[in-house]
Protein backbone atom coordinates (compact mmCIF):
# COMPACT_ATOMS: atom_id res chain seq x y z
CA MET A 1 12.36 -84.41 34.23
CA LYS A 2 15.37 -83.36 32.20
CA ASP A 3 13.05 -81.39 29.73
CA GLU A 4 11.44 -79.56 32.62
CA GLN A 5 14.78 -78.57 33.97
CA ALA A 6 15.93 -77.21 30.57
CA ARG A 7 12.76 -75.29 30.20
CA ASP A 8 13.04 -73.81 33.65
CA GLU A 9 16.69 -72.84 32.88
CA ALA A 10 15.70 -71.33 29.52
CA ARG A 11 12.94 -69.19 31.09
CA GLU A 12 15.35 -67.49 33.46
CA PRO A 13 17.18 -64.41 32.07
CA LYS A 14 20.91 -65.04 31.72
CA PRO A 15 23.68 -62.51 32.21
CA LEU A 16 25.19 -61.17 29.00
CA HIS A 17 28.40 -62.97 29.41
CA VAL A 18 26.65 -66.34 29.80
CA LEU A 19 24.40 -65.52 26.65
CA ARG A 20 27.38 -64.54 24.53
CA GLY A 21 29.27 -67.69 25.68
CA MET A 22 26.45 -69.96 24.40
CA THR A 23 26.84 -71.53 20.94
CA ASP A 24 24.10 -71.00 18.26
CA ASP A 25 22.76 -74.51 18.82
CA GLU A 26 22.46 -73.89 22.50
CA LEU A 27 20.66 -70.64 21.90
CA VAL A 28 18.23 -72.44 19.50
CA THR A 29 17.58 -75.10 22.04
CA ALA A 30 16.92 -72.49 24.78
CA ASP A 31 14.58 -70.64 22.41
CA ASP A 32 12.72 -73.85 21.61
CA ALA A 33 12.20 -74.51 25.40
CA VAL A 34 10.95 -71.00 25.89
CA ILE A 35 8.34 -71.53 23.06
CA ALA A 36 7.32 -74.95 24.67
CA ALA A 37 6.75 -73.22 28.08
CA PRO A 38 6.72 -69.49 28.11
CA GLY A 39 7.75 -67.84 31.27
CA LEU A 40 9.89 -64.87 32.38
CA VAL A 41 12.04 -64.68 29.21
CA GLY A 42 10.30 -64.03 25.99
CA GLN A 43 11.11 -65.60 22.68
CA ASP A 44 12.83 -62.51 21.47
CA TYR A 45 15.51 -62.79 24.10
CA TYR A 46 17.29 -65.64 22.23
CA LEU A 47 16.33 -64.61 18.80
CA ALA A 48 17.81 -61.18 19.34
CA GLU A 49 21.10 -62.79 20.30
CA LEU A 50 21.02 -64.95 17.23
CA ALA A 51 20.19 -61.81 15.09
CA ARG A 52 23.11 -59.88 16.69
CA ARG A 53 25.59 -62.74 15.91
CA ALA A 54 24.22 -62.83 12.26
CA ALA A 55 24.77 -59.12 11.96
CA ASP A 56 28.22 -59.29 13.51
CA ARG A 57 29.24 -61.95 10.96
CA GLN A 58 27.80 -59.75 8.19
CA THR A 59 29.59 -56.74 9.39
CA THR A 60 32.83 -58.70 9.55
CA THR A 61 32.42 -59.94 6.00
CA MET A 62 31.60 -56.38 4.69
CA VAL A 63 34.73 -54.93 6.26
CA ARG A 64 36.85 -57.69 4.65
CA LEU A 65 35.26 -57.11 1.29
CA THR A 66 35.81 -53.28 1.66
CA TRP A 67 39.47 -53.80 2.17
CA VAL A 68 39.58 -56.06 -0.91
CA ILE A 69 37.79 -53.51 -2.95
CA ALA A 70 40.30 -50.73 -1.77
CA ALA A 71 43.21 -52.99 -2.58
CA LEU A 72 41.84 -53.66 -6.12
CA THR A 73 41.34 -49.83 -6.54
CA VAL A 74 44.96 -49.27 -5.76
CA VAL A 75 46.02 -51.87 -8.21
CA ASN A 76 43.73 -50.36 -10.79
CA VAL A 77 45.20 -46.91 -10.36
CA VAL A 78 48.67 -48.15 -10.62
CA ALA A 79 47.80 -50.09 -13.83
CA VAL A 80 46.26 -46.96 -15.31
CA VAL A 81 49.17 -44.77 -14.40
CA TYR A 82 51.73 -47.39 -15.88
CA SER A 83 49.65 -47.58 -19.06
CA ILE A 84 49.59 -43.92 -19.61
CA ALA A 85 53.28 -43.41 -18.91
C-alpha cells in the first residue's frame, strides 16, 4: 500500500519549488517509482533535475577554480616584476 502511494505521488508532476526542495535521494527514489509504474511524469522529469544539480555544482566549482587561477596569476606577475627589478 505504501509503495503504491509513493508511485502515485511520483507520477504526478510537482511544482518547481517542491522539486528543488527535494534531496538527491528523494529524487532518485521518485525516479525509481516512476520506472516501476510509468504514468503522467516521464523518467526524464527527475533525471533532468539531478542533471541540473550536477551542472550547478560543476559550475560553482569552476568559478572557484577560476578565481584561484586569477589569484595565482597575480602572484606570478608580482614575482616576475620583483625578480626583474
